[in-house]
Amino acid sequence: RLALEPAVAHPPHHAHSAAPELVLPLEHELRQRVEPRVRGERLAAELNRRGVHSVPFHGQQSIKARTRRMNSEFRYGPASVLVASYGTGQTGLNLYQANYVLLGVRGWNSKTERQAIARTLRPQQTSEVHAEFVHLGGSLDEYQAQVCQWKQVSEFEAIDLLEPEEVLDDYKHLDRIINEFVDGLGALHGARSGYEYRAKLREGMKDAA
């Protein structure tokens, strides 16, 4: 499987005899994670602590060392998760052992994300590949998703010289996304508006000081 955030452990490589835990036929996960390196290391360490055999894969490791470990533990070994950065998990890497992609961090262009997912779409792939994104509502995730969507539609339209098939919503400025997030928080705490909620937060901070 191919993924980018913590997930449920899956059975080891198909050469082993462990019983499947999920419906998906292939058992590996590739977890994509952008820089800094420490995030990938910490994520892999936490998954291992929880009993999910995970392998970090990032640019601070030498190519030889990270490839050797990926092959022995993930591709042909017992590890069920590969925690990789976008930089190391793009063009040229074949990961047909994975069939699920969970992107925990959005990119700034759709090509970066498509290339990460495409690592599993190799001729040797025998299963349907699933890809998902992890979004925090009201955060930069929403803005990046919008940027990637608009760039992809523009790219395909320019290449094919066709009218876009996808009808895009109005472009939302990052300030608007954040303001809507704050308004939602205010509503959860009984405030009539985001402005009122901000005022309460400022008063609370003054009292704490």
N, C-alpha and C. Protein backbone atom coordinates (compact mmCIF):
# COMPACT_ATOMS: atom_id res chain seq x y z
N ARG A 1 0.83 -1.19 0.00
CA ARG A 1 0.00 0.00 0.00
C ARG A 1 0.87 1.24 0.00
N LEU A 2 0.32 2.34 -0.46
CA LEU A 2 1.08 3.59 -0.54
C LEU A 2 0.36 4.63 0.29
N ALA A 3 1.05 5.20 1.27
CA ALA A 3 0.36 6.13 2.15
C ALA A 3 1.25 7.25 2.65
N LEU A 4 0.66 8.27 3.26
CA LEU A 4 1.42 9.40 3.76
C LEU A 4 1.03 9.84 5.17
N GLU A 5 0.42 9.08 5.96
CA GLU A 5 0.07 9.37 7.34
C GLU A 5 -0.03 8.07 8.10
N PRO A 6 -0.10 8.11 9.43
CA PRO A 6 -0.21 6.85 10.16
C PRO A 6 -1.45 6.08 9.75
N ALA A 7 -1.33 4.79 9.66
CA ALA A 7 -2.49 3.98 9.27
C ALA A 7 -2.44 2.64 9.96
N VAL A 8 -3.50 1.86 9.74
CA VAL A 8 -3.57 0.53 10.33
C VAL A 8 -2.50 -0.36 9.71
N ALA A 9 -1.91 -1.21 10.52
CA ALA A 9 -0.88 -2.12 10.01
C ALA A 9 -1.50 -3.10 9.04
N HIS A 10 -0.74 -3.44 8.02
CA HIS A 10 -1.20 -4.41 7.04
C HIS A 10 -0.28 -5.62 7.06
N PRO A 11 -0.73 -6.72 6.55
CA PRO A 11 0.09 -7.93 6.59
C PRO A 11 1.40 -7.74 5.84
N PRO A 12 2.41 -8.52 6.15
CA PRO A 12 3.69 -8.40 5.47
C PRO A 12 3.62 -8.78 4.00
N HIS A 13 4.77 -8.71 3.34
CA HIS A 13 4.85 -8.96 1.91
C HIS A 13 4.19 -10.29 1.54
N HIS A 14 3.65 -10.35 0.32
CA HIS A 14 2.86 -11.51 -0.09
C HIS A 14 3.64 -12.82 -0.08
N ALA A 15 4.99 -12.72 0.02
CA ALA A 15 5.78 -13.95 0.08
C ALA A 15 5.65 -14.62 1.44
N HIS A 16 5.13 -13.88 2.43
CA HIS A 16 4.96 -14.43 3.76
C HIS A 16 3.54 -14.98 3.90
N SER A 17 3.29 -15.65 5.02
CA SER A 17 2.04 -16.37 5.17
C SER A 17 1.04 -15.69 6.09
N ALA A 18 1.32 -14.44 6.52
CA ALA A 18 0.41 -13.77 7.44
C ALA A 18 -0.95 -13.56 6.79
N ALA A 19 -2.01 -13.69 7.57
CA ALA A 19 -3.36 -13.52 7.04
C ALA A 19 -3.65 -12.05 6.80
N PRO A 20 -4.38 -11.71 5.72
CA PRO A 20 -4.69 -10.31 5.42
C PRO A 20 -5.53 -9.69 6.53
N GLU A 21 -5.28 -8.42 6.79
CA GLU A 21 -6.04 -7.70 7.80
C GLU A 21 -7.03 -6.73 7.17
N LEU A 22 -6.81 -6.37 5.90
CA LEU A 22 -7.71 -5.46 5.20
C LEU A 22 -8.16 -6.11 3.90
N VAL A 23 -9.14 -5.47 3.25
CA VAL A 23 -9.69 -6.01 2.02
C VAL A 23 -8.69 -5.91 0.89
N LEU A 24 -7.85 -4.86 0.88
CA LEU A 24 -6.91 -4.66 -0.22
C LEU A 24 -5.97 -5.85 -0.34
N PRO A 25 -5.75 -6.35 -1.55
CA PRO A 25 -4.95 -7.56 -1.74
C PRO A 25 -3.46 -7.40 -1.49
N LEU A 26 -2.89 -6.24 -1.79
CA LEU A 26 -1.47 -6.05 -1.51
C LEU A 26 -1.32 -5.46 -0.12
N GLU A 27 -0.19 -5.72 0.50
CA GLU A 27 -0.09 -5.55 1.93
C GLU A 27 0.77 -4.38 2.38
N HIS A 28 1.46 -3.71 1.48
CA HIS A 28 2.40 -2.68 1.91
C HIS A 28 1.78 -1.29 1.83
N GLU A 29 2.31 -0.42 2.64
CA GLU A 29 1.93 0.98 2.58
C GLU A 29 3.18 1.80 2.33
N LEU A 30 3.08 2.76 1.44
CA LEU A 30 4.15 3.73 1.25
C LEU A 30 3.64 5.03 1.86
N ARG A 31 4.32 5.51 2.89
CA ARG A 31 3.87 6.73 3.54
C ARG A 31 4.74 7.87 3.06
N GLN A 32 4.13 8.84 2.42
CA GLN A 32 4.84 10.01 1.94
C GLN A 32 4.79 11.10 3.01
N ARG A 33 5.90 11.75 3.22
CA ARG A 33 5.93 12.84 4.18
C ARG A 33 6.95 13.85 3.71
N VAL A 34 6.59 15.12 3.67
CA VAL A 34 7.54 16.13 3.21
C VAL A 34 8.54 16.44 4.31
N GLU A 35 9.52 17.29 3.97
CA GLU A 35 10.55 17.69 4.92
C GLU A 35 9.89 18.43 6.08
N PRO A 36 10.53 18.55 7.23
CA PRO A 36 11.90 18.14 7.48
C PRO A 36 12.04 16.66 7.76
N ARG A 37 13.28 16.21 7.67
CA ARG A 37 13.59 14.79 7.84
C ARG A 37 13.09 14.24 9.17
N VAL A 38 13.18 15.06 10.21
CA VAL A 38 12.84 14.57 11.54
C VAL A 38 11.39 14.10 11.62
N ARG A 39 10.51 14.68 10.81
CA ARG A 39 9.11 14.26 10.85
C ARG A 39 8.96 12.81 10.41
N GLY A 40 9.65 12.47 9.32
CA GLY A 40 9.58 11.09 8.86
C GLY A 40 10.17 10.11 9.85
N GLU A 41 11.29 10.50 10.47
CA GLU A 41 11.92 9.63 11.46
C GLU A 41 11.01 9.44 12.67
N ARG A 42 10.40 10.53 13.13
CA ARG A 42 9.52 10.43 14.29
C ARG A 42 8.26 9.63 13.99
N LEU A 43 7.73 9.82 12.78
CA LEU A 43 6.53 9.08 12.40
C LEU A 43 6.82 7.59 12.33
N ALA A 44 7.94 7.24 11.72
CA ALA A 44 8.31 5.82 11.62
C ALA A 44 8.56 5.24 13.01
N ALA A 45 9.22 6.00 13.89
CA ALA A 45 9.51 5.53 15.23
C ALA A 45 8.22 5.30 16.02
N GLU A 46 7.26 6.22 15.87
CA GLU A 46 5.99 6.07 16.59
C GLU A 46 5.20 4.88 16.08
N LEU A 47 5.20 4.67 14.78
CA LEU A 47 4.50 3.51 14.23
C LEU A 47 5.15 2.21 14.70
N ASN A 48 6.47 2.18 14.71
CA ASN A 48 7.17 0.98 15.21
C ASN A 48 6.85 0.73 16.68
N ARG A 49 6.75 1.82 17.46
CA ARG A 49 6.41 1.68 18.87
C ARG A 49 5.03 1.07 19.06
N ARG A 50 4.15 1.34 18.10
CA ARG A 50 2.79 0.80 18.16
C ARG A 50 2.67 -0.57 17.49
N GLY A 51 3.78 -1.14 17.09
CA GLY A 51 3.76 -2.47 16.52
C GLY A 51 3.59 -2.52 15.02
N VAL A 52 3.70 -1.36 14.35
CA VAL A 52 3.58 -1.31 12.89
C VAL A 52 4.98 -1.14 12.31
N HIS A 53 5.52 -2.19 11.71
CA HIS A 53 6.89 -2.16 11.19
C HIS A 53 6.98 -1.13 10.07
N SER A 54 7.74 -0.06 10.31
CA SER A 54 7.84 1.06 9.38
C SER A 54 9.29 1.39 9.08
N VAL A 55 9.53 1.88 7.86
CA VAL A 55 10.89 2.20 7.41
C VAL A 55 10.94 3.65 6.93
N PRO A 56 11.79 4.50 7.52
CA PRO A 56 11.94 5.88 7.03
C PRO A 56 12.74 5.89 5.73
N PHE A 57 12.41 6.84 4.85
CA PHE A 57 13.06 6.91 3.54
C PHE A 57 13.12 8.37 3.14
N HIS A 58 14.31 9.00 3.30
CA HIS A 58 14.41 10.44 3.06
C HIS A 58 15.80 10.79 2.54
N GLY A 59 15.95 12.04 2.12
CA GLY A 59 17.16 12.48 1.44
C GLY A 59 18.38 12.65 2.32
N GLN A 60 18.22 12.64 3.64
CA GLN A 60 19.37 12.75 4.52
C GLN A 60 20.12 11.43 4.65
N GLN A 61 19.52 10.35 4.16
CA GLN A 61 20.20 9.06 4.11
C GLN A 61 20.91 8.94 2.76
N SER A 62 22.01 8.22 2.70
CA SER A 62 22.65 8.01 1.41
C SER A 62 21.75 7.14 0.53
N ILE A 63 21.86 7.31 -0.77
CA ILE A 63 21.02 6.56 -1.70
C ILE A 63 21.22 5.05 -1.49
N LYS A 64 22.47 4.65 -1.33
CA LYS A 64 22.76 3.22 -1.17
C LYS A 64 22.14 2.68 0.12
N ALA A 65 22.29 3.44 1.22
CA ALA A 65 21.80 2.96 2.52
C ALA A 65 20.28 2.89 2.55
N ARG A 66 19.61 3.93 2.07
CA ARG A 66 18.14 3.92 2.14
C ARG A 66 17.54 2.90 1.18
N THR A 67 18.19 2.69 0.02
CA THR A 67 17.68 1.70 -0.93
C THR A 67 17.86 0.29 -0.39
N ARG A 68 19.01 0.05 0.23
CA ARG A 68 19.27 -1.27 0.81
C ARG A 68 18.23 -1.60 1.89
N ARG A 69 17.96 -0.63 2.74
CA ARG A 69 16.99 -0.88 3.81
C ARG A 69 15.57 -1.03 3.28
N MET A 70 15.22 -0.21 2.27
CA MET A 70 13.89 -0.31 1.67
C MET A 70 13.68 -1.69 1.05
N ASN A 71 14.69 -2.18 0.35
CA ASN A 71 14.57 -3.49 -0.30
C ASN A 71 14.46 -4.62 0.72
N SER A 72 15.30 -4.57 1.75
CA SER A 72 15.35 -5.68 2.70
C SER A 72 14.16 -5.69 3.66
N GLU A 73 13.65 -4.51 4.01
CA GLU A 73 12.59 -4.45 5.01
C GLU A 73 11.20 -4.21 4.42
N PHE A 74 11.11 -3.41 3.36
CA PHE A 74 9.79 -3.05 2.83
C PHE A 74 9.41 -3.82 1.57
N ARG A 75 10.25 -3.71 0.54
CA ARG A 75 9.91 -4.37 -0.72
C ARG A 75 9.83 -5.88 -0.57
N TYR A 76 10.83 -6.46 0.06
CA TYR A 76 10.92 -7.93 0.14
C TYR A 76 11.01 -8.42 1.58
N GLY A 77 10.57 -7.59 2.52
CA GLY A 77 10.66 -7.96 3.93
C GLY A 77 9.36 -7.76 4.67
N PRO A 78 9.42 -7.72 5.99
CA PRO A 78 8.21 -7.72 6.81
C PRO A 78 7.58 -6.35 7.04
N ALA A 79 8.26 -5.25 6.69
CA ALA A 79 7.72 -3.92 6.98
C ALA A 79 6.45 -3.66 6.18
N SER A 80 5.47 -3.04 6.83
CA SER A 80 4.20 -2.74 6.17
C SER A 80 4.06 -1.28 5.79
N VAL A 81 5.01 -0.43 6.21
CA VAL A 81 4.92 1.00 5.95
C VAL A 81 6.28 1.55 5.54
N LEU A 82 6.29 2.37 4.50
CA LEU A 82 7.48 3.12 4.10
C LEU A 82 7.16 4.60 4.28
N VAL A 83 7.88 5.26 5.17
CA VAL A 83 7.67 6.69 5.43
C VAL A 83 8.67 7.46 4.58
N ALA A 84 8.21 8.02 3.47
CA ALA A 84 9.11 8.64 2.50
C ALA A 84 8.75 10.10 2.27
N SER A 85 9.75 10.89 1.93
CA SER A 85 9.53 12.29 1.58
C SER A 85 9.14 12.37 0.11
N TYR A 86 8.55 13.50 -0.27
CA TYR A 86 8.22 13.70 -1.68
C TYR A 86 9.47 13.61 -2.55
N GLY A 87 10.56 14.19 -2.06
CA GLY A 87 11.79 14.23 -2.85
C GLY A 87 12.34 12.86 -3.20
N THR A 88 12.24 11.91 -2.26
CA THR A 88 12.78 10.57 -2.52
C THR A 88 11.73 9.64 -3.10
N GLY A 89 10.46 10.02 -3.06
CA GLY A 89 9.40 9.13 -3.52
C GLY A 89 8.78 9.55 -4.83
N GLN A 90 9.59 10.12 -5.73
CA GLN A 90 9.04 10.58 -7.00
C GLN A 90 9.61 9.79 -8.18
N THR A 91 9.92 10.48 -9.26
CA THR A 91 10.29 9.86 -10.53
C THR A 91 11.43 8.85 -10.36
N GLY A 92 11.25 7.67 -10.99
CA GLY A 92 12.30 6.66 -11.03
C GLY A 92 12.18 5.57 -10.01
N LEU A 93 11.35 5.75 -8.99
CA LEU A 93 11.22 4.75 -7.94
C LEU A 93 10.02 3.85 -8.23
N ASN A 94 10.26 2.53 -8.28
CA ASN A 94 9.19 1.57 -8.54
C ASN A 94 8.76 0.90 -7.24
N LEU A 95 7.51 1.08 -6.88
CA LEU A 95 6.98 0.50 -5.64
C LEU A 95 5.66 -0.21 -5.92
N TYR A 96 5.73 -1.16 -6.84
CA TYR A 96 4.51 -1.90 -7.19
C TYR A 96 4.06 -2.82 -6.06
N GLN A 97 4.91 -3.01 -5.05
CA GLN A 97 4.50 -3.80 -3.89
C GLN A 97 3.43 -3.07 -3.08
N ALA A 98 3.32 -1.77 -3.29
CA ALA A 98 2.33 -0.97 -2.56
C ALA A 98 1.12 -0.71 -3.44
N ASN A 99 -0.05 -0.62 -2.81
CA ASN A 99 -1.25 -0.31 -3.58
C ASN A 99 -2.17 0.67 -2.87
N TYR A 100 -1.64 1.35 -1.86
CA TYR A 100 -2.42 2.38 -1.17
C TYR A 100 -1.50 3.55 -0.86
N VAL A 101 -1.93 4.76 -1.21
CA VAL A 101 -1.14 5.97 -1.02
C VAL A 101 -1.92 6.92 -0.12
N LEU A 102 -1.31 7.29 1.00
CA LEU A 102 -1.92 8.26 1.89
C LEU A 102 -0.97 9.43 2.03
N LEU A 103 -1.33 10.56 1.43
CA LEU A 103 -0.47 11.73 1.44
C LEU A 103 -0.83 12.59 2.65
N GLY A 104 0.07 12.65 3.62
CA GLY A 104 -0.20 13.38 4.85
C GLY A 104 0.04 14.87 4.73
N VAL A 105 0.76 15.30 3.70
CA VAL A 105 1.04 16.71 3.47
C VAL A 105 0.82 16.99 1.98
N ARG A 106 0.13 18.08 1.68
CA ARG A 106 -0.10 18.45 0.28
C ARG A 106 1.15 19.07 -0.32
N GLY A 107 1.28 18.90 -1.65
CA GLY A 107 2.34 19.59 -2.38
C GLY A 107 1.83 20.94 -2.86
N TRP A 108 2.70 21.65 -3.58
CA TRP A 108 2.29 22.94 -4.14
C TRP A 108 1.97 22.84 -5.62
N ASN A 109 2.11 21.66 -6.20
CA ASN A 109 1.67 21.46 -7.58
C ASN A 109 1.22 20.01 -7.74
N SER A 110 0.30 19.80 -8.64
CA SER A 110 -0.30 18.48 -8.80
C SER A 110 0.69 17.46 -9.37
N LYS A 111 1.70 17.92 -10.12
CA LYS A 111 2.66 16.98 -10.70
C LYS A 111 3.43 16.25 -9.60
N THR A 112 3.83 16.99 -8.56
CA THR A 112 4.55 16.37 -7.44
C THR A 112 3.72 15.26 -6.82
N GLU A 113 2.45 15.53 -6.60
CA GLU A 113 1.57 14.54 -5.99
C GLU A 113 1.29 13.38 -6.92
N ARG A 114 1.09 13.67 -8.21
CA ARG A 114 0.83 12.59 -9.17
C ARG A 114 2.03 11.67 -9.30
N GLN A 115 3.23 12.25 -9.28
CA GLN A 115 4.44 11.43 -9.39
C GLN A 115 4.59 10.52 -8.17
N ALA A 116 4.25 11.03 -6.98
CA ALA A 116 4.34 10.21 -5.78
C ALA A 116 3.39 9.02 -5.88
N ILE A 117 2.18 9.27 -6.31
CA ILE A 117 1.18 8.20 -6.44
C ILE A 117 1.59 7.21 -7.54
N ALA A 118 2.17 7.75 -8.60
CA ALA A 118 2.52 6.91 -9.75
C ALA A 118 3.61 5.89 -9.45
N ARG A 119 4.30 6.03 -8.32
CA ARG A 119 5.34 5.05 -7.98
C ARG A 119 4.75 3.66 -7.84
N THR A 120 3.46 3.57 -7.54
CA THR A 120 2.81 2.26 -7.39
C THR A 120 2.19 1.79 -8.70
N LEU A 121 2.03 2.68 -9.66
CA LEU A 121 1.35 2.34 -10.92
C LEU A 121 2.36 1.86 -11.95
N ARG A 122 3.02 0.77 -11.63
CA ARG A 122 4.03 0.20 -12.49
C ARG A 122 3.47 -1.01 -13.24
N PRO A 123 4.14 -1.46 -14.31
CA PRO A 123 3.63 -2.62 -15.07
C PRO A 123 3.45 -3.87 -14.21
N GLN A 124 4.23 -3.99 -13.13
CA GLN A 124 4.14 -5.18 -12.27
C GLN A 124 2.96 -5.13 -11.30
N GLN A 125 2.30 -3.98 -11.22
CA GLN A 125 1.19 -3.83 -10.28
C GLN A 125 0.02 -4.73 -10.69
N THR A 126 -0.49 -5.50 -9.75
CA THR A 126 -1.58 -6.43 -10.03
C THR A 126 -2.87 -6.06 -9.31
N SER A 127 -2.85 -4.97 -8.53
CA SER A 127 -4.03 -4.60 -7.75
C SER A 127 -4.46 -3.18 -8.05
N GLU A 128 -5.68 -2.87 -7.70
CA GLU A 128 -6.18 -1.51 -7.82
C GLU A 128 -5.48 -0.63 -6.78
N VAL A 129 -5.02 0.54 -7.20
CA VAL A 129 -4.31 1.44 -6.30
C VAL A 129 -5.28 2.50 -5.77
N HIS A 130 -5.23 2.73 -4.47
CA HIS A 130 -6.06 3.73 -3.83
C HIS A 130 -5.17 4.84 -3.28
N ALA A 131 -5.61 6.09 -3.41
CA ALA A 131 -4.84 7.22 -2.89
C ALA A 131 -5.78 8.15 -2.13
N GLU A 132 -5.31 8.64 -1.01
CA GLU A 132 -6.08 9.56 -0.19
C GLU A 132 -5.20 10.68 0.32
N PHE A 133 -5.84 11.82 0.65
CA PHE A 133 -5.15 12.96 1.23
C PHE A 133 -5.68 13.20 2.64
N VAL A 134 -4.80 13.64 3.52
CA VAL A 134 -5.19 14.01 4.87
C VAL A 134 -5.28 15.53 4.95
N HIS A 135 -6.46 16.05 5.28
CA HIS A 135 -6.67 17.49 5.35
C HIS A 135 -7.11 17.91 6.73
N LEU A 136 -6.54 19.01 7.22
CA LEU A 136 -7.05 19.67 8.42
C LEU A 136 -7.89 20.85 7.94
N GLY A 137 -9.18 20.80 8.24
CA GLY A 137 -10.08 21.85 7.79
C GLY A 137 -9.65 23.22 8.27
N GLY A 138 -9.69 24.20 7.38
CA GLY A 138 -9.33 25.56 7.73
C GLY A 138 -7.83 25.82 7.79
N SER A 139 -7.05 24.85 7.37
CA SER A 139 -5.59 25.00 7.43
C SER A 139 -5.01 25.22 6.04
N LEU A 140 -3.67 25.25 5.98
CA LEU A 140 -2.98 25.41 4.70
C LEU A 140 -3.30 24.25 3.76
N ASP A 141 -3.71 23.10 4.30
CA ASP A 141 -4.06 21.95 3.46
C ASP A 141 -5.12 22.32 2.43
N GLU A 142 -6.14 23.03 2.86
CA GLU A 142 -7.23 23.41 1.96
C GLU A 142 -6.74 24.35 0.87
N TYR A 143 -5.88 25.28 1.24
CA TYR A 143 -5.36 26.22 0.25
C TYR A 143 -4.48 25.49 -0.77
N GLN A 144 -3.61 24.60 -0.29
CA GLN A 144 -2.75 23.85 -1.20
C GLN A 144 -3.57 22.95 -2.13
N ALA A 145 -4.61 22.34 -1.59
CA ALA A 145 -5.47 21.50 -2.43
C ALA A 145 -6.09 22.32 -3.56
N GLN A 146 -6.51 23.51 -3.23
CA GLN A 146 -7.09 24.41 -4.23
C GLN A 146 -6.05 24.80 -5.28
N VAL A 147 -4.84 25.14 -4.84
CA VAL A 147 -3.77 25.51 -5.76
C VAL A 147 -3.46 24.37 -6.72
N CYS A 148 -3.34 23.15 -6.17
CA CYS A 148 -3.04 21.98 -7.01
C CYS A 148 -4.15 21.72 -8.01
N GLN A 149 -5.38 21.86 -7.57
CA GLN A 149 -6.51 21.62 -8.46
C GLN A 149 -6.53 22.60 -9.62
N TRP A 150 -6.34 23.87 -9.33
CA TRP A 150 -6.35 24.87 -10.39
C TRP A 150 -5.17 24.69 -11.34
N LYS A 151 -4.00 24.38 -10.80
CA LYS A 151 -2.83 24.16 -11.65
C LYS A 151 -3.03 22.96 -12.56
N GLN A 152 -3.61 21.90 -12.02
CA GLN A 152 -3.81 20.70 -12.83
C GLN A 152 -4.79 20.95 -13.96
N VAL A 153 -5.89 21.61 -13.66
CA VAL A 153 -6.88 21.91 -14.70
C VAL A 153 -6.25 22.79 -15.78
N SER A 154 -5.50 23.80 -15.38
CA SER A 154 -4.84 24.69 -16.35
C SER A 154 -3.83 23.93 -17.20
N GLU A 155 -3.07 23.04 -16.54
CA GLU A 155 -2.06 22.24 -17.25
C GLU A 155 -2.70 21.36 -18.31
N PHE A 156 -3.73 20.63 -17.94
CA PHE A 156 -4.37 19.72 -18.89
C PHE A 156 -5.07 20.49 -20.01
N GLU A 157 -5.64 21.64 -19.67
CA GLU A 157 -6.30 22.45 -20.69
C GLU A 157 -5.28 22.95 -21.71
N ALA A 158 -4.11 23.37 -21.24
CA ALA A 158 -3.08 23.88 -22.14
C ALA A 158 -2.52 22.77 -23.02
N ILE A 159 -2.35 21.58 -22.46
CA ILE A 159 -1.78 20.46 -23.22
C ILE A 159 -2.76 19.98 -24.29
N ASP A 160 -4.01 19.82 -23.91
CA ASP A 160 -5.00 19.24 -24.81
C ASP A 160 -5.74 20.28 -25.65
N LEU A 161 -5.52 21.57 -25.32
CA LEU A 161 -6.21 22.66 -26.03
C LEU A 161 -7.73 22.43 -26.02
N LEU A 162 -8.21 22.02 -24.87
CA LEU A 162 -9.64 21.72 -24.73
C LEU A 162 -10.24 22.58 -23.63
N GLU A 163 -11.57 22.64 -23.66
CA GLU A 163 -12.27 23.28 -22.56
C GLU A 163 -12.13 22.40 -21.33
N PRO A 164 -11.92 23.00 -20.16
CA PRO A 164 -11.77 22.18 -18.95
C PRO A 164 -13.02 21.38 -18.65
N GLU A 165 -12.83 20.10 -18.32
CA GLU A 165 -13.97 19.25 -17.98
C GLU A 165 -14.48 19.55 -16.57
N GLU A 166 -13.60 20.05 -15.73
CA GLU A 166 -13.95 20.28 -14.33
C GLU A 166 -14.33 21.73 -14.10
N VAL A 167 -15.47 21.96 -13.48
CA VAL A 167 -15.92 23.31 -13.17
C VAL A 167 -15.38 23.67 -11.78
N LEU A 168 -14.53 24.69 -11.74
CA LEU A 168 -13.88 25.06 -10.49
C LEU A 168 -14.73 26.04 -9.69
N ASP A 169 -14.64 25.93 -8.37
CA ASP A 169 -15.30 26.89 -7.50
C ASP A 169 -14.51 28.20 -7.51
N ASP A 170 -15.09 29.24 -6.92
CA ASP A 170 -14.39 30.51 -6.81
C ASP A 170 -13.11 30.31 -6.00
N TYR A 171 -12.05 30.97 -6.45
CA TYR A 171 -10.76 30.85 -5.76
C TYR A 171 -10.85 31.53 -4.41
N LYS A 172 -10.44 30.82 -3.36
CA LYS A 172 -10.53 31.34 -2.00
C LYS A 172 -9.15 31.76 -1.51
N HIS A 173 -9.04 33.00 -1.08
CA HIS A 173 -7.78 33.49 -0.52
C HIS A 173 -7.52 32.77 0.80
N LEU A 174 -6.24 32.62 1.14
CA LEU A 174 -5.87 31.94 2.37
C LEU A 174 -6.47 32.64 3.60
N ASP A 175 -6.53 33.97 3.56
CA ASP A 175 -7.14 34.70 4.69
C ASP A 175 -8.58 34.29 4.90
N ARG A 176 -9.30 34.09 3.81
CA ARG A 176 -10.71 33.69 3.92
C ARG A 176 -10.83 32.30 4.53
N ILE A 177 -9.95 31.39 4.13
CA ILE A 177 -9.97 30.03 4.68
C ILE A 177 -9.72 30.06 6.18
N ILE A 178 -8.72 30.85 6.60
CA ILE A 178 -8.41 30.94 8.02
C ILE A 178 -9.54 31.60 8.79
N ASN A 179 -10.14 32.66 8.22
CA ASN A 179 -11.25 33.34 8.89
C ASN A 179 -12.44 32.40 9.07
N GLU A 180 -12.71 31.59 8.05
CA GLU A 180 -13.80 30.63 8.17
C GLU A 180 -13.51 29.59 9.25
N PHE A 181 -12.24 29.22 9.38
CA PHE A 181 -11.84 28.29 10.42
C PHE A 181 -12.08 28.89 11.81
N VAL A 182 -11.69 30.16 11.97
CA VAL A 182 -11.88 30.83 13.26
C VAL A 182 -13.37 31.01 13.54
N ASP A 183 -14.17 31.34 12.53
CA ASP A 183 -15.61 31.45 12.71
C ASP A 183 -16.20 30.13 13.20
N GLY A 184 -15.70 29.03 12.64
CA GLY A 184 -16.19 27.71 13.06
C GLY A 184 -15.82 27.42 14.50
N LEU A 185 -14.60 27.79 14.90
CA LEU A 185 -14.20 27.60 16.29
C LEU A 185 -15.08 28.43 17.21
N GLY A 186 -15.36 29.67 16.79
CA GLY A 186 -16.21 30.53 17.60
C GLY A 186 -17.59 29.95 17.80
N ALA A 187 -18.15 29.40 16.73
CA ALA A 187 -19.48 28.80 16.82
C ALA A 187 -19.47 27.61 17.79
N LEU A 188 -18.39 26.84 17.78
CA LEU A 188 -18.30 25.70 18.70
C LEU A 188 -18.26 26.15 20.16
N HIS A 189 -17.74 27.36 20.40
CA HIS A 189 -17.62 27.87 21.76
C HIS A 189 -18.70 28.90 22.10
N GLY A 190 -19.74 28.94 21.28
CA GLY A 190 -20.87 29.80 21.60
C GLY A 190 -20.72 31.26 21.22
N ALA A 191 -19.69 31.61 20.48
CA ALA A 191 -19.51 32.99 20.03
C ALA A 191 -20.40 33.27 18.83
N ARG A 192 -20.87 34.52 18.74
CA ARG A 192 -21.76 34.88 17.62
C ARG A 192 -20.99 35.13 16.33
N SER A 193 -19.71 35.35 16.44
CA SER A 193 -18.89 35.60 15.24
C SER A 193 -17.44 35.29 15.54
N GLY A 194 -16.66 35.20 14.48
CA GLY A 194 -15.24 34.99 14.65
C GLY A 194 -14.58 36.17 15.35
N TYR A 195 -15.09 37.37 15.08
CA TYR A 195 -14.54 38.57 15.72
C TYR A 195 -14.72 38.49 17.24
N GLU A 196 -15.93 38.09 17.66
CA GLU A 196 -16.19 37.98 19.10
C GLU A 196 -15.30 36.91 19.73
N TYR A 197 -15.09 35.82 19.01
CA TYR A 197 -14.25 34.74 19.53
C TYR A 197 -12.81 35.20 19.67
N ARG A 198 -12.31 35.95 18.69
CA ARG A 198 -10.95 36.48 18.77
C ARG A 198 -10.80 37.40 19.99
N ALA A 199 -11.82 38.23 20.21
CA ALA A 199 -11.77 39.14 21.35
C ALA A 199 -11.69 38.36 22.66
N LYS A 200 -12.45 37.26 22.77
CA LYS A 200 -12.41 36.43 23.97
C LYS A 200 -11.03 35.80 24.15
N LEU A 201 -10.44 35.37 23.05
CA LEU A 201 -9.10 34.78 23.12
C LEU A 201 -8.08 35.81 23.59
N ARG A 202 -8.18 37.03 23.07
CA ARG A 202 -7.24 38.08 23.48
C ARG A 202 -7.38 38.39 24.97
N GLU A 203 -8.61 38.44 25.46
CA GLU A 203 -8.84 38.70 26.88
C GLU A 203 -8.27 37.56 27.72
N GLY A 204 -8.47 36.33 27.24
CA GLY A 204 -7.93 35.18 27.98
C GLY A 204 -6.43 35.20 28.04
N MET A 205 -5.79 35.62 26.96
CA MET A 205 -4.33 35.71 26.94
C MET A 205 -3.83 36.79 27.88
N LYS A 206 -4.57 37.90 27.96
CA LYS A 206 -4.17 38.98 28.89
C LYS A 206 -4.27 38.49 30.32
N ASP A 207 -5.34 37.77 30.62
CA ASP A 207 -5.53 37.27 31.98
C ASP A 207 -4.43 36.26 32.34
N ALA A 208 -4.06 35.45 31.36
CA ALA A 208 -3.03 34.43 31.61
C ALA A 208 -1.68 35.08 31.85
N ALA A 209 -1.44 36.21 31.16
CA ALA A 209 -0.17 36.92 31.33
C ALA A 209 -0.09 37.58 32.70
